[in-house]
């Protein structure tokens, strides 16, 4: 995402809204892909039905924890690695969504500060 430089004026509202929409789309894609990986892992390692795999993957991805007890060693290793990965995805998705908002806020502060000097 290209942002305006410090010396450039604040981007128009339409550009800002497009940046926010693009960030939300990237975050949604990251979460959807991660959910798919989790579902495949639970389905493959624990032989869960797809709906149970979805529920477990969604709960781990949201930080709530698994619903069903794990039965296999492979499933337990997968769940541990998926939980670590999910924590990073949460931070990454939040960063994607907040980046255009924080950039606009800081750019506006910089512009207002340079007008007073």
C-alpha atoms as a PDB file:
ATOM      1  CA  UNK A   1       0.000   0.000   0.000  1.00  0.00           C
ATOM      2  CA  UNK A   2       1.660   3.221  -1.063  1.00  0.00           C
ATOM      3  CA  UNK A   3       1.080   6.057   1.363  1.00  0.00           C
ATOM      4  CA  UNK A   4       1.699   9.752   0.858  1.00  0.00           C
ATOM      5  CA  UNK A   5       5.049  11.084   2.005  1.00  0.00           C
ATOM      6  CA  UNK A   6       5.531  13.550   4.855  1.00  0.00           C
ATOM      7  CA  UNK A   7       5.870  16.447   2.409  1.00  0.00           C
ATOM      8  CA  UNK A   8       2.682  15.572   0.508  1.00  0.00           C
ATOM      9  CA  UNK A   9      -0.815  16.750   1.441  1.00  0.00           C
ATOM     10  CA  UNK A  10      -3.314  14.448   3.143  1.00  0.00           C
ATOM     11  CA  UNK A  11      -4.874  11.961   0.719  1.00  0.00           C
ATOM     12  CA  UNK A  12      -8.502  12.597  -0.268  1.00  0.00           C
ATOM     13  CA  UNK A  13     -11.219  10.766   1.633  1.00  0.00           C
ATOM     14  CA  UNK A  14     -11.891   8.437  -1.344  1.00  0.00           C
ATOM     15  CA  UNK A  15      -8.255   7.275  -1.348  1.00  0.00           C
ATOM     16  CA  UNK A  16      -8.376   6.729   2.418  1.00  0.00           C
ATOM     17  CA  UNK A  17     -11.611   4.708   2.186  1.00  0.00           C
ATOM     18  CA  UNK A  18     -10.079   2.588  -0.598  1.00  0.00           C
ATOM     19  CA  UNK A  19      -7.019   1.937   1.587  1.00  0.00           C
ATOM     20  CA  UNK A  20      -9.202   0.859   4.510  1.00  0.00           C
ATOM     21  CA  UNK A  21     -11.242  -1.417   2.224  1.00  0.00           C
ATOM     22  CA  UNK A  22      -8.046  -2.947   0.813  1.00  0.00           C
ATOM     23  CA  UNK A  23      -6.681  -3.526   4.319  1.00  0.00           C
ATOM     24  CA  UNK A  24      -9.916  -5.170   5.415  1.00  0.00           C
ATOM     25  CA  UNK A  25      -9.860  -7.396   2.331  1.00  0.00           C
ATOM     26  CA  UNK A  26      -6.272  -8.500   3.021  1.00  0.00           C
ATOM     27  CA  UNK A  27      -7.089  -9.173   6.695  1.00  0.00           C
ATOM     28  CA  UNK A  28     -10.197 -11.138   5.732  1.00  0.00           C
ATOM     29  CA  UNK A  29      -8.176 -13.164   3.222  1.00  0.00           C
ATOM     30  CA  UNK A  30      -5.516 -13.920   5.832  1.00  0.00           C
ATOM     31  CA  UNK A  31      -8.134 -15.045   8.345  1.00  0.00           C
ATOM     32  CA  UNK A  32     -10.068 -17.119   5.787  1.00  0.00           C
ATOM     33  CA  UNK A  33      -6.888 -18.843   4.603  1.00  0.00           C
ATOM     34  CA  UNK A  34      -5.819 -19.523   8.187  1.00  0.00           C
ATOM     35  CA  UNK A  35      -9.239 -20.923   8.988  1.00  0.00           C
ATOM     36  CA  UNK A  36      -8.998 -23.228   5.966  1.00  0.00           C
ATOM     37  CA  UNK A  37      -5.573 -24.481   7.070  1.00  0.00           C
ATOM     38  CA  UNK A  38      -6.899 -25.129  10.569  1.00  0.00           C
ATOM     39  CA  UNK A  39      -9.928 -26.973   9.260  1.00  0.00           C
ATOM     40  CA  UNK A  40      -7.762 -29.157   7.026  1.00  0.00           C
ATOM     41  CA  UNK A  41      -5.423 -29.913   9.922  1.00  0.00           C
ATOM     42  CA  UNK A  42      -8.160 -30.905  12.345  1.00  0.00           C
ATOM     43  CA  UNK A  43      -9.927 -32.924   9.661  1.00  0.00           C
ATOM     44  CA  UNK A  44      -6.728 -34.707   8.652  1.00  0.00           C
ATOM     45  CA  UNK A  45      -5.033 -35.265  12.001  1.00  0.00           C
ATOM     46  CA  UNK A  46      -8.065 -35.794  14.236  1.00  0.00           C
ATOM     47  CA  UNK A  47     -10.521 -37.198  11.659  1.00  0.00           C
ATOM     48  CA  UNK A  48     -13.079 -34.574  12.713  1.00  0.00           C
ATOM     49  CA  UNK A  49     -16.070 -33.841  10.529  1.00  0.00           C
ATOM     50  CA  UNK A  50     -15.708 -30.615   8.556  1.00  0.00           C
ATOM     51  CA  UNK A  51     -18.151 -28.763  10.813  1.00  0.00           C
ATOM     52  CA  UNK A  52     -16.299 -29.870  13.959  1.00  0.00           C
ATOM     53  CA  UNK A  53     -12.993 -28.973  12.325  1.00  0.00           C
ATOM     54  CA  UNK A  54     -14.418 -25.540  11.484  1.00  0.00           C
ATOM     55  CA  UNK A  55     -15.609 -24.992  15.041  1.00  0.00           C
ATOM     56  CA  UNK A  56     -12.267 -26.007  16.567  1.00  0.00           C
ATOM     57  CA  UNK A  57     -10.207 -23.999  14.081  1.00  0.00           C
ATOM     58  CA  UNK A  58     -12.409 -20.923  14.564  1.00  0.00           C
ATOM     59  CA  UNK A  59     -12.153 -21.192  18.343  1.00  0.00           C
ATOM     60  CA  UNK A  60      -8.344 -21.478  18.236  1.00  0.00           C
ATOM     61  CA  UNK A  61      -8.050 -18.677  15.668  1.00  0.00           C
ATOM     62  CA  UNK A  62     -10.165 -16.376  17.833  1.00  0.00           C
ATOM     63  CA  UNK A  63      -8.132 -17.189  20.936  1.00  0.00           C
ATOM     64  CA  UNK A  64     -10.863 -19.082  22.782  1.00  0.00           C
ATOM     65  CA  UNK A  65      -9.309 -22.558  22.790  1.00  0.00           C
ATOM     66  CA  UNK A  66     -10.358 -25.930  21.360  1.00  0.00           C
ATOM     67  CA  UNK A  67     -13.808 -27.416  21.817  1.00  0.00           C
ATOM     68  CA  UNK A  68     -13.026 -31.125  21.558  1.00  0.00           C
ATOM     69  CA  UNK A  69     -10.250 -33.000  23.357  1.00  0.00           C
ATOM     70  CA  UNK A  70      -7.477 -34.111  21.013  1.00  0.00           C
ATOM     71  CA  UNK A  71      -6.876 -37.832  20.617  1.00  0.00           C
ATOM     72  CA  UNK A  72      -3.757 -38.235  18.467  1.00  0.00           C
ATOM     73  CA  UNK A  73      -0.164 -37.132  18.936  1.00  0.00           C
ATOM     74  CA  UNK A  74      -0.170 -35.581  15.461  1.00  0.00           C
ATOM     75  CA  UNK A  75      -3.344 -33.692  16.283  1.00  0.00           C
ATOM     76  CA  UNK A  76      -1.859 -32.337  19.500  1.00  0.00           C
ATOM     77  CA  UNK A  77       1.305 -31.164  17.736  1.00  0.00           C
ATOM     78  CA  UNK A  78      -0.765 -29.586  14.974  1.00  0.00           C
ATOM     79  CA  UNK A  79      -3.037 -27.854  17.494  1.00  0.00           C
ATOM     80  CA  UNK A  80      -0.062 -26.418  19.385  1.00  0.00           C
ATOM     81  CA  UNK A  81       1.580 -25.095  16.236  1.00  0.00           C
ATOM     82  CA  UNK A  82      -1.741 -23.782  14.932  1.00  0.00           C
ATOM     83  CA  UNK A  83      -2.374 -21.964  18.217  1.00  0.00           C
ATOM     84  CA  UNK A  84       1.026 -20.229  18.018  1.00  0.00           C
ATOM     85  CA  UNK A  85       0.405 -19.346  14.378  1.00  0.00           C
ATOM     86  CA  UNK A  86      -3.091 -18.073  15.216  1.00  0.00           C
ATOM     87  CA  UNK A  87      -1.721 -15.642  17.763  1.00  0.00           C
ATOM     88  CA  UNK A  88       0.555 -14.182  15.105  1.00  0.00           C
ATOM     89  CA  UNK A  89      -2.311 -14.003  12.608  1.00  0.00           C
ATOM     90  CA  UNK A  90      -4.378 -12.028  15.109  1.00  0.00           C
ATOM     91  CA  UNK A  91      -1.565  -9.500  15.528  1.00  0.00           C
ATOM     92  CA  UNK A  92      -0.950  -9.361  11.766  1.00  0.00           C
ATOM     93  CA  UNK A  93      -4.618  -8.863  10.892  1.00  0.00           C
ATOM     94  CA  UNK A  94      -4.932  -6.106  13.482  1.00  0.00           C
ATOM     95  CA  UNK A  95      -1.849  -4.436  11.999  1.00  0.00           C
ATOM     96  CA  UNK A  96      -3.295  -4.656   8.490  1.00  0.00           C
ATOM     97  CA  UNK A  97      -6.559  -3.045   9.555  1.00  0.00           C
ATOM     98  CA  UNK A  98      -5.007  -0.346  11.743  1.00  0.00           C
ATOM     99  CA  UNK A  99      -2.189   0.720   9.390  1.00  0.00           C
ATOM    100  CA  UNK A 100      -4.186   3.103   7.165  1.00  0.00           C
ATOM    101  CA  UNK A 101      -6.023   4.538  10.175  1.00  0.00           C
ATOM    102  CA  UNK A 102      -2.853   5.233  12.132  1.00  0.00           C
ATOM    103  CA  UNK A 103      -1.057   6.584   9.072  1.00  0.00           C
ATOM    104  CA  UNK A 104      -3.823   9.087   8.371  1.00  0.00           C
ATOM    105  CA  UNK A 105      -3.957  10.151  12.020  1.00  0.00           C
ATOM    106  CA  UNK A 106      -0.190  10.650  12.262  1.00  0.00           C
ATOM    107  CA  UNK A 107       0.011  12.381   8.865  1.00  0.00           C
ATOM    108  CA  UNK A 108      -2.753  14.791   9.900  1.00  0.00           C
ATOM    109  CA  UNK A 109      -0.954  15.527  13.175  1.00  0.00           C
ATOM    110  CA  UNK A 110       2.264  16.185  11.279  1.00  0.00           C
ATOM    111  CA  UNK A 111       0.527  18.543   8.860  1.00  0.00           C
ATOM    112  CA  UNK A 112      -1.205  20.450  11.673  1.00  0.00           C
ATOM    113  CA  UNK A 113       2.081  20.683  13.582  1.00  0.00           C
ATOM    114  CA  UNK A 114       3.927  22.114  10.572  1.00  0.00           C
ATOM    115  CA  UNK A 115       1.233  24.808  10.050  1.00  0.00           C
ATOM    116  CA  UNK A 116       1.760  26.154  13.568  1.00  0.00           C
ATOM    117  CA  UNK A 117       5.550  26.401  13.249  1.00  0.00           C
END
